[in-house]
Amino acid sequence: MKTVSRDELDSMIDHMDDAISEGNIPAVRSWKADIDAAIAAAHDEALAINSAKDRNAKARARINAAAMTADDLIATVANGDEDEISRLACSAELAHRCGPVTNVAACAF
């Protein structure tokens, strides 16, 4: 079922209330099923949106970490510190492969 607006859901609930008042049990069951399906669709949509937001935040963090590492590498190359260049290159490679890296000592280069 497609997601429905709050107004549409309120209307569905009103129809179910009317069916309850009339004692129309089949209509009550039908409206309840429709309402449950609408709520489930809204829940699924919310989960998908939250998942997309999480993926976006993780991707943004990887991009920011790689950009910071690249800036550090450029500054270090300008200073000529070869040990620091190697460490930053390792960090950049791990950030590219795995996302932000906090333990550069784990680098196996």
PDB file of N, CA and C in Angstrom:
ATOM      1  N   MET A   1       0.844  -1.179   0.000  1.00  0.00           N
ATOM      2  CA  MET A   1       0.000   0.000   0.000  1.00  0.00           C
ATOM      3  C   MET A   1       0.887   1.240   0.000  1.00  0.00           C
ATOM      4  N   LYS A   2       0.461   2.253  -0.701  1.00  0.00           N
ATOM      5  CA  LYS A   2       1.193   3.527  -0.703  1.00  0.00           C
ATOM      6  C   LYS A   2       0.983   4.222   0.636  1.00  0.00           C
ATOM      7  N   THR A   3       1.921   5.088   0.973  1.00  0.00           N
ATOM      8  CA  THR A   3       1.740   5.843   2.206  1.00  0.00           C
ATOM      9  C   THR A   3       0.630   6.870   2.009  1.00  0.00           C
ATOM     10  N   VAL A   4      -0.055   7.153   3.086  1.00  0.00           N
ATOM     11  CA  VAL A   4      -1.169   8.101   3.037  1.00  0.00           C
ATOM     12  C   VAL A   4      -0.849   9.276   3.949  1.00  0.00           C
ATOM     13  N   SER A   5      -1.500  10.387   3.685  1.00  0.00           N
ATOM     14  CA  SER A   5      -1.309  11.573   4.520  1.00  0.00           C
ATOM     15  C   SER A   5      -2.032  11.385   5.854  1.00  0.00           C
ATOM     16  N   ARG A   6      -1.694  12.249   6.776  1.00  0.00           N
ATOM     17  CA  ARG A   6      -2.359  12.214   8.088  1.00  0.00           C
ATOM     18  C   ARG A   6      -3.862  12.445   7.926  1.00  0.00           C
ATOM     19  N   ASP A   7      -4.243  13.347   7.031  1.00  0.00           N
ATOM     20  CA  ASP A   7      -5.672  13.611   6.794  1.00  0.00           C
ATOM     21  C   ASP A   7      -6.378  12.375   6.246  1.00  0.00           C
ATOM     22  N   GLU A   8      -5.716  11.672   5.312  1.00  0.00           N
ATOM     23  CA  GLU A   8      -6.311  10.450   4.757  1.00  0.00           C
ATOM     24  C   GLU A   8      -6.464   9.386   5.841  1.00  0.00           C
ATOM     25  N   LEU A   9      -5.450   9.272   6.700  1.00  0.00           N
ATOM     26  CA  LEU A   9      -5.527   8.295   7.784  1.00  0.00           C
ATOM     27  C   LEU A   9      -6.652   8.659   8.755  1.00  0.00           C
ATOM     28  N   ASP A  10      -6.773   9.938   9.079  1.00  0.00           N
ATOM     29  CA  ASP A  10      -7.871  10.380   9.951  1.00  0.00           C
ATOM     30  C   ASP A  10      -9.229  10.061   9.328  1.00  0.00           C
ATOM     31  N   SER A  11      -9.340  10.239   8.020  1.00  0.00           N
ATOM     32  CA  SER A  11     -10.586   9.923   7.329  1.00  0.00           C
ATOM     33  C   SER A  11     -10.886   8.421   7.410  1.00  0.00           C
ATOM     34  N   MET A  12      -9.859   7.612   7.244  1.00  0.00           N
ATOM     35  CA  MET A  12     -10.043   6.159   7.343  1.00  0.00           C
ATOM     36  C   MET A  12     -10.524   5.777   8.743  1.00  0.00           C
ATOM     37  N   ILE A  13      -9.936   6.409   9.752  1.00  0.00           N
ATOM     38  CA  ILE A  13     -10.344   6.132  11.134  1.00  0.00           C
ATOM     39  C   ILE A  13     -11.790   6.564  11.359  1.00  0.00           C
ATOM     40  N   ASP A  14     -12.165   7.712  10.805  1.00  0.00           N
ATOM     41  CA  ASP A  14     -13.563   8.167  10.918  1.00  0.00           C
ATOM     42  C   ASP A  14     -14.520   7.169  10.277  1.00  0.00           C
ATOM     43  N   HIS A  15     -14.147   6.640   9.108  1.00  0.00           N
ATOM     44  CA  HIS A  15     -14.994   5.638   8.438  1.00  0.00           C
ATOM     45  C   HIS A  15     -15.107   4.383   9.298  1.00  0.00           C
ATOM     46  N   MET A  16     -13.995   3.979   9.920  1.00  0.00           N
ATOM     47  CA  MET A  16     -14.041   2.796  10.777  1.00  0.00           C
ATOM     48  C   MET A  16     -14.937   3.064  11.990  1.00  0.00           C
ATOM     49  N   ASP A  17     -14.827   4.261  12.573  1.00  0.00           N
ATOM     50  CA  ASP A  17     -15.698   4.618  13.704  1.00  0.00           C
ATOM     51  C   ASP A  17     -17.174   4.574  13.299  1.00  0.00           C
ATOM     52  N   ASP A  18     -17.470   5.073  12.099  1.00  0.00           N
ATOM     53  CA  ASP A  18     -18.854   5.023  11.605  1.00  0.00           C
ATOM     54  C   ASP A  18     -19.321   3.578  11.469  1.00  0.00           C
ATOM     55  N   ALA A  19     -18.448   2.731  10.940  1.00  0.00           N
ATOM     56  CA  ALA A  19     -18.809   1.319  10.775  1.00  0.00           C
ATOM     57  C   ALA A  19     -19.029   0.658  12.132  1.00  0.00           C
ATOM     58  N   ILE A  20     -18.225   1.046  13.126  1.00  0.00           N
ATOM     59  CA  ILE A  20     -18.415   0.509  14.477  1.00  0.00           C
ATOM     60  C   ILE A  20     -19.776   0.945  15.015  1.00  0.00           C
ATOM     61  N   SER A  21     -20.087   2.223  14.833  1.00  0.00           N
ATOM     62  CA  SER A  21     -21.376   2.759  15.313  1.00  0.00           C
ATOM     63  C   SER A  21     -22.557   2.052  14.665  1.00  0.00           C
ATOM     64  N   GLU A  22     -22.391   1.691  13.399  1.00  0.00           N
ATOM     65  CA  GLU A  22     -23.464   1.011  12.664  1.00  0.00           C
ATOM     66  C   GLU A  22     -23.493  -0.484  12.946  1.00  0.00           C
ATOM     67  N   GLY A  23     -22.480  -1.001  13.634  1.00  0.00           N
ATOM     68  CA  GLY A  23     -22.414  -2.437  13.901  1.00  0.00           C
ATOM     69  C   GLY A  23     -22.033  -3.241  12.673  1.00  0.00           C
ATOM     70  N   ASN A  24     -21.418  -2.608  11.705  1.00  0.00           N
ATOM     71  CA  ASN A  24     -21.035  -3.262  10.452  1.00  0.00           C
ATOM     72  C   ASN A  24     -19.638  -3.881  10.614  1.00  0.00           C
ATOM     73  N   ILE A  25     -19.613  -5.090  11.165  1.00  0.00           N
ATOM     74  CA  ILE A  25     -18.346  -5.757  11.495  1.00  0.00           C
ATOM     75  C   ILE A  25     -17.467  -5.990  10.263  1.00  0.00           C
ATOM     76  N   PRO A  26     -18.013  -6.450   9.119  1.00  0.00           N
ATOM     77  CA  PRO A  26     -17.143  -6.629   7.945  1.00  0.00           C
ATOM     78  C   PRO A  26     -16.465  -5.324   7.516  1.00  0.00           C
ATOM     79  N   ALA A  27     -17.205  -4.213   7.573  1.00  0.00           N
ATOM     80  CA  ALA A  27     -16.616  -2.920   7.202  1.00  0.00           C
ATOM     81  C   ALA A  27     -15.550  -2.507   8.213  1.00  0.00           C
ATOM     82  N   VAL A  28     -15.794  -2.776   9.495  1.00  0.00           N
ATOM     83  CA  VAL A  28     -14.803  -2.456  10.537  1.00  0.00           C
ATOM     84  C   VAL A  28     -13.511  -3.212  10.260  1.00  0.00           C
ATOM     85  N   ARG A  29     -13.652  -4.502   9.970  1.00  0.00           N
ATOM     86  CA  ARG A  29     -12.459  -5.322   9.689  1.00  0.00           C
ATOM     87  C   ARG A  29     -11.712  -4.806   8.461  1.00  0.00           C
ATOM     88  N   SER A  30     -12.473  -4.416   7.445  1.00  0.00           N
ATOM     89  CA  SER A  30     -11.859  -3.904   6.219  1.00  0.00           C
ATOM     90  C   SER A  30     -11.109  -2.599   6.485  1.00  0.00           C
ATOM     91  N   TRP A  31     -11.758  -1.673   7.208  1.00  0.00           N
ATOM     92  CA  TRP A  31     -11.097  -0.399   7.513  1.00  0.00           C
ATOM     93  C   TRP A  31      -9.884  -0.611   8.413  1.00  0.00           C
ATOM     94  N   LYS A  32     -10.007  -1.533   9.374  1.00  0.00           N
ATOM     95  CA  LYS A  32      -8.873  -1.812  10.259  1.00  0.00           C
ATOM     96  C   LYS A  32      -7.695  -2.351   9.457  1.00  0.00           C
ATOM     97  N   ALA A  33      -7.965  -3.248   8.519  1.00  0.00           N
ATOM     98  CA  ALA A  33      -6.894  -3.793   7.680  1.00  0.00           C
ATOM     99  C   ALA A  33      -6.243  -2.686   6.851  1.00  0.00           C
ATOM    100  N   ASP A  34      -7.061  -1.802   6.302  1.00  0.00           N
ATOM    101  CA  ASP A  34      -6.519  -0.684   5.514  1.00  0.00           C
ATOM    102  C   ASP A  34      -5.673   0.253   6.376  1.00  0.00           C
ATOM    103  N   ILE A  35      -6.155   0.535   7.586  1.00  0.00           N
ATOM    104  CA  ILE A  35      -5.412   1.412   8.499  1.00  0.00           C
ATOM    105  C   ILE A  35      -4.089   0.762   8.898  1.00  0.00           C
ATOM    106  N   ASP A  36      -4.137  -0.531   9.238  1.00  0.00           N
ATOM    107  CA  ASP A  36      -2.907  -1.242   9.604  1.00  0.00           C
ATOM    108  C   ASP A  36      -1.906  -1.242   8.449  1.00  0.00           C
ATOM    109  N   ALA A  37      -2.402  -1.440   7.225  1.00  0.00           N
ATOM    110  CA  ALA A  37      -1.518  -1.436   6.053  1.00  0.00           C
ATOM    111  C   ALA A  37      -0.908  -0.053   5.835  1.00  0.00           C
ATOM    112  N   ALA A  38      -1.703   0.988   6.038  1.00  0.00           N
ATOM    113  CA  ALA A  38      -1.194   2.356   5.871  1.00  0.00           C
ATOM    114  C   ALA A  38      -0.122   2.669   6.910  1.00  0.00           C
ATOM    115  N   ILE A  39      -0.355   2.237   8.148  1.00  0.00           N
ATOM    116  CA  ILE A  39       0.633   2.463   9.207  1.00  0.00           C
ATOM    117  C   ILE A  39       1.912   1.685   8.910  1.00  0.00           C
ATOM    118  N   ALA A  40       1.782   0.443   8.455  1.00  0.00           N
ATOM    119  CA  ALA A  40       2.959  -0.364   8.119  1.00  0.00           C
ATOM    120  C   ALA A  40       3.742   0.265   6.969  1.00  0.00           C
ATOM    121  N   ALA A  41       3.037   0.787   5.969  1.00  0.00           N
ATOM    122  CA  ALA A  41       3.711   1.435   4.836  1.00  0.00           C
ATOM    123  C   ALA A  41       4.460   2.679   5.299  1.00  0.00           C
ATOM    124  N   ALA A  42       3.845   3.458   6.182  1.00  0.00           N
ATOM    125  CA  ALA A  42       4.509   4.658   6.707  1.00  0.00           C
ATOM    126  C   ALA A  42       5.736   4.274   7.525  1.00  0.00           C
ATOM    127  N   HIS A  43       5.620   3.205   8.293  1.00  0.00           N
ATOM    128  CA  HIS A  43       6.745   2.727   9.097  1.00  0.00           C
ATOM    129  C   HIS A  43       7.888   2.270   8.194  1.00  0.00           C
ATOM    130  N   ASP A  44       7.562   1.501   7.161  1.00  0.00           N
ATOM    131  CA  ASP A  44       8.588   1.035   6.220  1.00  0.00           C
ATOM    132  C   ASP A  44       9.269   2.210   5.527  1.00  0.00           C
ATOM    133  N   GLU A  45       8.483   3.213   5.149  1.00  0.00           N
ATOM    134  CA  GLU A  45       9.051   4.395   4.502  1.00  0.00           C
ATOM    135  C   GLU A  45       9.982   5.137   5.463  1.00  0.00           C
ATOM    136  N   ALA A  46       9.581   5.251   6.724  1.00  0.00           N
ATOM    137  CA  ALA A  46      10.424   5.927   7.718  1.00  0.00           C
ATOM    138  C   ALA A  46      11.730   5.168   7.921  1.00  0.00           C
ATOM    139  N   LEU A  47      11.662   3.838   7.964  1.00  0.00           N
ATOM    140  CA  LEU A  47      12.883   3.035   8.103  1.00  0.00           C
ATOM    141  C   LEU A  47      13.807   3.238   6.908  1.00  0.00           C
ATOM    142  N   ALA A  48      13.239   3.269   5.714  1.00  0.00           N
ATOM    143  CA  ALA A  48      14.044   3.473   4.506  1.00  0.00           C
ATOM    144  C   ALA A  48      14.696   4.855   4.510  1.00  0.00           C
ATOM    145  N   ILE A  49      13.958   5.859   4.936  1.00  0.00           N
ATOM    146  CA  ILE A  49      14.512   7.218   5.004  1.00  0.00           C
ATOM    147  C   ILE A  49      15.642   7.276   6.023  1.00  0.00           C
ATOM    148  N   ASN A  50      15.437   6.678   7.201  1.00  0.00           N
ATOM    149  CA  ASN A  50      16.481   6.684   8.228  1.00  0.00           C
ATOM    150  C   ASN A  50      17.717   5.927   7.763  1.00  0.00           C
ATOM    151  N   SER A  51      17.517   4.822   7.059  1.00  0.00           N
ATOM    152  CA  SER A  51      18.645   4.058   6.532  1.00  0.00           C
ATOM    153  C   SER A  51      19.423   4.883   5.513  1.00  0.00           C
ATOM    154  N   ALA A  52      18.705   5.584   4.648  1.00  0.00           N
ATOM    155  CA  ALA A  52      19.369   6.439   3.656  1.00  0.00           C
ATOM    156  C   ALA A  52      20.133   7.572   4.339  1.00  0.00           C
ATOM    157  N   LYS A  53      19.555   8.142   5.398  1.00  0.00           N
ATOM    158  CA  LYS A  53      20.246   9.198   6.144  1.00  0.00           C
ATOM    159  C   LYS A  53      21.525   8.657   6.785  1.00  0.00           C
ATOM    160  N   ASP A  54      21.454   7.444   7.345  1.00  0.00           N
ATOM    161  CA  ASP A  54      22.644   6.840   7.956  1.00  0.00           C
ATOM    162  C   ASP A  54      23.732   6.603   6.916  1.00  0.00           C
ATOM    163  N   ARG A  55      23.347   6.055   5.749  1.00  0.00           N
ATOM    164  CA  ARG A  55      24.337   5.822   4.683  1.00  0.00           C
ATOM    165  C   ARG A  55      24.949   7.138   4.225  1.00  0.00           C
ATOM    166  N   ASN A  56      24.133   8.169   4.111  1.00  0.00           N
ATOM    167  CA  ASN A  56      24.607   9.481   3.688  1.00  0.00           C
ATOM    168  C   ASN A  56      25.590  10.049   4.709  1.00  0.00           C
ATOM    169  N   ALA A  57      25.269   9.929   5.994  1.00  0.00           N
ATOM    170  CA  ALA A  57      26.156  10.446   7.042  1.00  0.00           C
ATOM    171  C   ALA A  57      27.489   9.703   7.036  1.00  0.00           C
ATOM    172  N   LYS A  58      27.454   8.384   6.853  1.00  0.00           N
ATOM    173  CA  LYS A  58      28.697   7.603   6.812  1.00  0.00           C
ATOM    174  C   LYS A  58      29.530   7.976   5.591  1.00  0.00           C
ATOM    175  N   ALA A  59      28.880   8.163   4.459  1.00  0.00           N
ATOM    176  CA  ALA A  59      29.612   8.553   3.248  1.00  0.00           C
ATOM    177  C   ALA A  59      30.228   9.935   3.426  1.00  0.00           C
ATOM    178  N   ARG A  60      29.475  10.850   4.024  1.00  0.00           N
ATOM    179  CA  ARG A  60      29.989  12.198   4.272  1.00  0.00           C
ATOM    180  C   ARG A  60      31.197  12.143   5.215  1.00  0.00           C
ATOM    181  N   ALA A  61      31.147  11.287   6.234  1.00  0.00           N
ATOM    182  CA  ALA A  61      32.269  11.146   7.169  1.00  0.00           C
ATOM    183  C   ALA A  61      33.501  10.605   6.450  1.00  0.00           C
ATOM    184  N   ARG A  62      33.309   9.618   5.553  1.00  0.00           N
ATOM    185  CA  ARG A  62      34.448   9.081   4.789  1.00  0.00           C
ATOM    186  C   ARG A  62      35.045  10.152   3.886  1.00  0.00           C
ATOM    187  N   ILE A  63      34.188  10.933   3.246  1.00  0.00           N
ATOM    188  CA  ILE A  63      34.673  12.006   2.364  1.00  0.00           C
ATOM    189  C   ILE A  63      35.447  13.044   3.170  1.00  0.00           C
ATOM    190  N   ASN A  64      34.894  13.437   4.319  1.00  0.00           N
ATOM    191  CA  ASN A  64      35.574  14.428   5.157  1.00  0.00           C
ATOM    192  C   ASN A  64      36.909  13.905   5.666  1.00  0.00           C
ATOM    193  N   ALA A  65      36.956  12.626   6.070  1.00  0.00           N
ATOM    194  CA  ALA A  65      38.207  12.045   6.560  1.00  0.00           C
ATOM    195  C   ALA A  65      39.241  11.993   5.445  1.00  0.00           C
ATOM    196  N   ALA A  66      38.812  11.604   4.256  1.00  0.00           N
ATOM    197  CA  ALA A  66      39.747  11.544   3.128  1.00  0.00           C
ATOM    198  C   ALA A  66      40.237  12.943   2.763  1.00  0.00           C
ATOM    199  N   ALA A  67      39.355  13.931   2.817  1.00  0.00           N
ATOM    200  CA  ALA A  67      39.748  15.303   2.489  1.00  0.00           C
ATOM    201  C   ALA A  67      40.736  15.839   3.512  1.00  0.00           C
ATOM    202  N   MET A  68      40.484  15.569   4.804  1.00  0.00           N
ATOM    203  CA  MET A  68      41.416  16.030   5.834  1.00  0.00           C
ATOM    204  C   MET A  68      42.764  15.344   5.676  1.00  0.00           C
ATOM    205  N   THR A  69      42.733  14.038   5.391  1.00  0.00           N
ATOM    206  CA  THR A  69      43.977  13.297   5.212  1.00  0.00           C
ATOM    207  C   THR A  69      44.727  13.822   3.998  1.00  0.00           C
ATOM    208  N   ALA A  70      44.016  14.116   2.924  1.00  0.00           N
ATOM    209  CA  ALA A  70      44.664  14.654   1.726  1.00  0.00           C
ATOM    210  C   ALA A  70      45.299  16.012   2.024  1.00  0.00           C
ATOM    211  N   ASP A  71      44.602  16.862   2.774  1.00  0.00           N
ATOM    212  CA  ASP A  71      45.167  18.164   3.144  1.00  0.00           C
ATOM    213  C   ASP A  71      46.417  17.992   3.997  1.00  0.00           C
ATOM    214  N   ASP A  72      46.362  17.055   4.954  1.00  0.00           N
ATOM    215  CA  ASP A  72      47.532  16.782   5.796  1.00  0.00           C
ATOM    216  C   ASP A  72      48.696  16.281   4.951  1.00  0.00           C
ATOM    217  N   LEU A  73      48.401  15.402   3.993  1.00  0.00           N
ATOM    218  CA  LEU A  73      49.443  14.845   3.133  1.00  0.00           C
ATOM    219  C   LEU A  73      50.087  15.938   2.290  1.00  0.00           C
ATOM    220  N   ILE A  74      49.287  16.828   1.753  1.00  0.00           N
ATOM    221  CA  ILE A  74      49.826  17.932   0.944  1.00  0.00           C
ATOM    222  C   ILE A  74      50.738  18.812   1.790  1.00  0.00           C
ATOM    223  N   ALA A  75      50.297  19.149   3.002  1.00  0.00           N
ATOM    224  CA  ALA A  75      51.117  19.991   3.884  1.00  0.00           C
ATOM    225  C   ALA A  75      52.400  19.276   4.273  1.00  0.00           C
ATOM    226  N   THR A  76      52.328  17.978   4.524  1.00  0.00           N
ATOM    227  CA  THR A  76      53.510  17.219   4.934  1.00  0.00           C
ATOM    228  C   THR A  76      54.497  17.087   3.790  1.00  0.00           C
ATOM    229  N   VAL A  77      53.992  16.859   2.576  1.00  0.00           N
ATOM    230  CA  VAL A  77      54.876  16.778   1.409  1.00  0.00           C
ATOM    231  C   VAL A  77      55.608  18.100   1.243  1.00  0.00           C
ATOM    232  N   ALA A  78      54.904  19.182   1.467  1.00  0.00           N
ATOM    233  CA  ALA A  78      55.533  20.501   1.352  1.00  0.00           C
ATOM    234  C   ALA A  78      56.659  20.658   2.370  1.00  0.00           C
ATOM    235  N   ASN A  79      56.516  20.005   3.536  1.00  0.00           N
ATOM    236  CA  ASN A  79      57.551  20.081   4.574  1.00  0.00           C
ATOM    237  C   ASN A  79      58.642  19.032   4.386  1.00  0.00           C
ATOM    238  N   GLY A  80      58.401  18.006   3.561  1.00  0.00           N
ATOM    239  CA  GLY A  80      59.406  16.994   3.249  1.00  0.00           C
ATOM    240  C   GLY A  80      59.609  15.929   4.309  1.00  0.00           C
ATOM    241  N   ASP A  81      58.667  15.704   5.220  1.00  0.00           N
ATOM    242  CA  ASP A  81      58.791  14.693   6.273  1.00  0.00           C
ATOM    243  C   ASP A  81      58.362  13.334   5.714  1.00  0.00           C
ATOM    244  N   GLU A  82      59.349  12.488   5.340  1.00  0.00           N
ATOM    245  CA  GLU A  82      59.038  11.229   4.651  1.00  0.00           C
ATOM    246  C   GLU A  82      58.289  10.239   5.535  1.00  0.00           C
ATOM    247  N   ASP A  83      58.621  10.159   6.834  1.00  0.00           N
ATOM    248  CA  ASP A  83      57.896   9.246   7.725  1.00  0.00           C
ATOM    249  C   ASP A  83      56.428   9.657   7.841  1.00  0.00           C
ATOM    250  N   GLU A  84      56.212  10.946   7.975  1.00  0.00           N
ATOM    251  CA  GLU A  84      54.839  11.444   8.080  1.00  0.00           C
ATOM    252  C   GLU A  84      54.101  11.258   6.753  1.00  0.00           C
ATOM    253  N   ILE A  85      54.800  11.410   5.639  1.00  0.00           N
ATOM    254  CA  ILE A  85      54.189  11.178   4.325  1.00  0.00           C
ATOM    255  C   ILE A  85      53.709   9.734   4.227  1.00  0.00           C
ATOM    256  N   SER A  86      54.540   8.783   4.655  1.00  0.00           N
ATOM    257  CA  SER A  86      54.164   7.364   4.613  1.00  0.00           C
ATOM    258  C   SER A  86      52.960   7.092   5.512  1.00  0.00           C
ATOM    259  N   ARG A  87      52.971   7.663   6.722  1.00  0.00           N
ATOM    260  CA  ARG A  87      51.867   7.449   7.656  1.00  0.00           C
ATOM    261  C   ARG A  87      50.565   8.003   7.078  1.00  0.00           C
ATOM    262  N   LEU A  88      50.614   9.192   6.517  1.00  0.00           N
ATOM    263  CA  LEU A  88      49.407   9.801   5.961  1.00  0.00           C
ATOM    264  C   LEU A  88      48.929   9.082   4.706  1.00  0.00           C
ATOM    265  N   ALA A  89      49.862   8.596   3.901  1.00  0.00           N
ATOM    266  CA  ALA A  89      49.467   7.832   2.710  1.00  0.00           C
ATOM    267  C   ALA A  89      48.749   6.560   3.132  1.00  0.00           C
ATOM    268  N   CYS A  90      49.265   5.914   4.180  1.00  0.00           N
ATOM    269  CA  CYS A  90      48.625   4.714   4.716  1.00  0.00           C
ATOM    270  C   CYS A  90      47.225   5.051   5.221  1.00  0.00           C
ATOM    271  N   SER A  91      47.103   6.136   5.969  1.00  0.00           N
ATOM    272  CA  SER A  91      45.814   6.564   6.496  1.00  0.00           C
ATOM    273  C   SER A  91      44.839   6.878   5.362  1.00  0.00           C
ATOM    274  N   ALA A  92      45.327   7.529   4.320  1.00  0.00           N
ATOM    275  CA  ALA A  92      44.465   7.862   3.177  1.00  0.00           C
ATOM    276  C   ALA A  92      43.975   6.601   2.483  1.00  0.00           C
ATOM    277  N   GLU A  93      44.858   5.611   2.328  1.00  0.00           N
ATOM    278  CA  GLU A  93      44.461   4.353   1.679  1.00  0.00           C
ATOM    279  C   GLU A  93      43.416   3.628   2.523  1.00  0.00           C
ATOM    280  N   LEU A  94      43.628   3.575   3.836  1.00  0.00           N
ATOM    281  CA  LEU A  94      42.653   2.917   4.698  1.00  0.00           C
ATOM    282  C   LEU A  94      41.328   3.679   4.718  1.00  0.00           C
ATOM    283  N   ALA A  95      41.391   4.995   4.733  1.00  0.00           N
ATOM    284  CA  ALA A  95      40.157   5.789   4.707  1.00  0.00           C
ATOM    285  C   ALA A  95      39.400   5.539   3.410  1.00  0.00           C
ATOM    286  N   HIS A  96      40.143   5.398   2.325  1.00  0.00           N
ATOM    287  CA  HIS A  96      39.508   5.119   1.035  1.00  0.00           C
ATOM    288  C   HIS A  96      38.843   3.747   1.065  1.00  0.00           C
ATOM    289  N   ARG A  97      39.530   2.753   1.646  1.00  0.00           N
ATOM    290  CA  ARG A  97      39.001   1.387   1.668  1.00  0.00           C
ATOM    291  C   ARG A  97      37.926   1.174   2.725  1.00  0.00           C
ATOM    292  N   CYS A  98      38.110   1.762   3.908  1.00  0.00           N
ATOM    293  CA  CYS A  98      37.288   1.390   5.057  1.00  0.00           C
ATOM    294  C   CYS A  98      36.543   2.534   5.716  1.00  0.00           C
ATOM    295  N   GLY A  99      36.706   3.729   5.254  1.00  0.00           N
ATOM    296  CA  GLY A  99      36.096   4.852   5.945  1.00  0.00           C
ATOM    297  C   GLY A  99      37.093   5.463   6.910  1.00  0.00           C
ATOM    298  N   PRO A 100      36.641   6.322   7.801  1.00  0.00           N
ATOM    299  CA  PRO A 100      37.545   7.004   8.721  1.00  0.00           C
ATOM    300  C   PRO A 100      38.342   6.008   9.562  1.00  0.00           C
ATOM    301  N   VAL A 101      39.619   6.263   9.703  1.00  0.00           N
ATOM    302  CA  VAL A 101      40.517   5.370  10.435  1.00  0.00           C
ATOM    303  C   VAL A 101      41.072   6.132  11.626  1.00  0.00           C
ATOM    304  N   THR A 102      40.972   5.534  12.796  1.00  0.00           N
ATOM    305  CA  THR A 102      41.535   6.180  13.975  1.00  0.00           C
ATOM    306  C   THR A 102      42.850   5.533  14.375  1.00  0.00           C
ATOM    307  N   ASN A 103      43.089   4.296  13.965  1.00  0.00           N
ATOM    308  CA  ASN A 103      44.310   3.596  14.339  1.00  0.00           C
ATOM    309  C   ASN A 103      45.166   3.380  13.102  1.00  0.00           C
ATOM    310  N   VAL A 104      46.021   4.343  12.819  1.00  0.00           N
ATOM    311  CA  VAL A 104      46.861   4.252  11.631  1.00  0.00           C
ATOM    312  C   VAL A 104      47.894   3.151  11.795  1.00  0.00           C
ATOM    313  N   ALA A 105      48.207   2.773  13.034  1.00  0.00           N
ATOM    314  CA  ALA A 105      49.175   1.704  13.270  1.00  0.00           C
ATOM    315  C   ALA A 105      48.690   0.382  12.686  1.00  0.00           C
ATOM    316  N   ALA A 106      47.407   0.268  12.405  1.00  0.00           N
ATOM    317  CA  ALA A 106      46.870  -0.965  11.829  1.00  0.00           C
ATOM    318  C   ALA A 106      47.216  -1.104  10.356  1.00  0.00           C
ATOM    319  N   CYS A 107      47.826  -0.095   9.763  1.00  0.00           N
ATOM    320  CA  CYS A 107      48.165  -0.117   8.345  1.00  0.00           C
ATOM    321  C   CYS A 107      49.193  -1.205   8.064  1.00  0.00           C
ATOM    322  N   ALA A 108      48.995  -1.953   6.999  1.00  0.00           N
ATOM    323  CA  ALA A 108      49.886  -3.074   6.691  1.00  0.00           C
ATOM    324  C   ALA A 108      50.756  -2.799   5.475  1.00  0.00           C
ATOM    325  N   PHE A 109      51.024  -1.542   5.155  1.00  0.00           N
ATOM    326  CA  PHE A 109      51.853  -1.229   3.991  1.00  0.00           C
ATOM    327  C   PHE A 109      53.307  -1.393   4.326  1.00  0.00           C
TER     328      PHE A 109
END
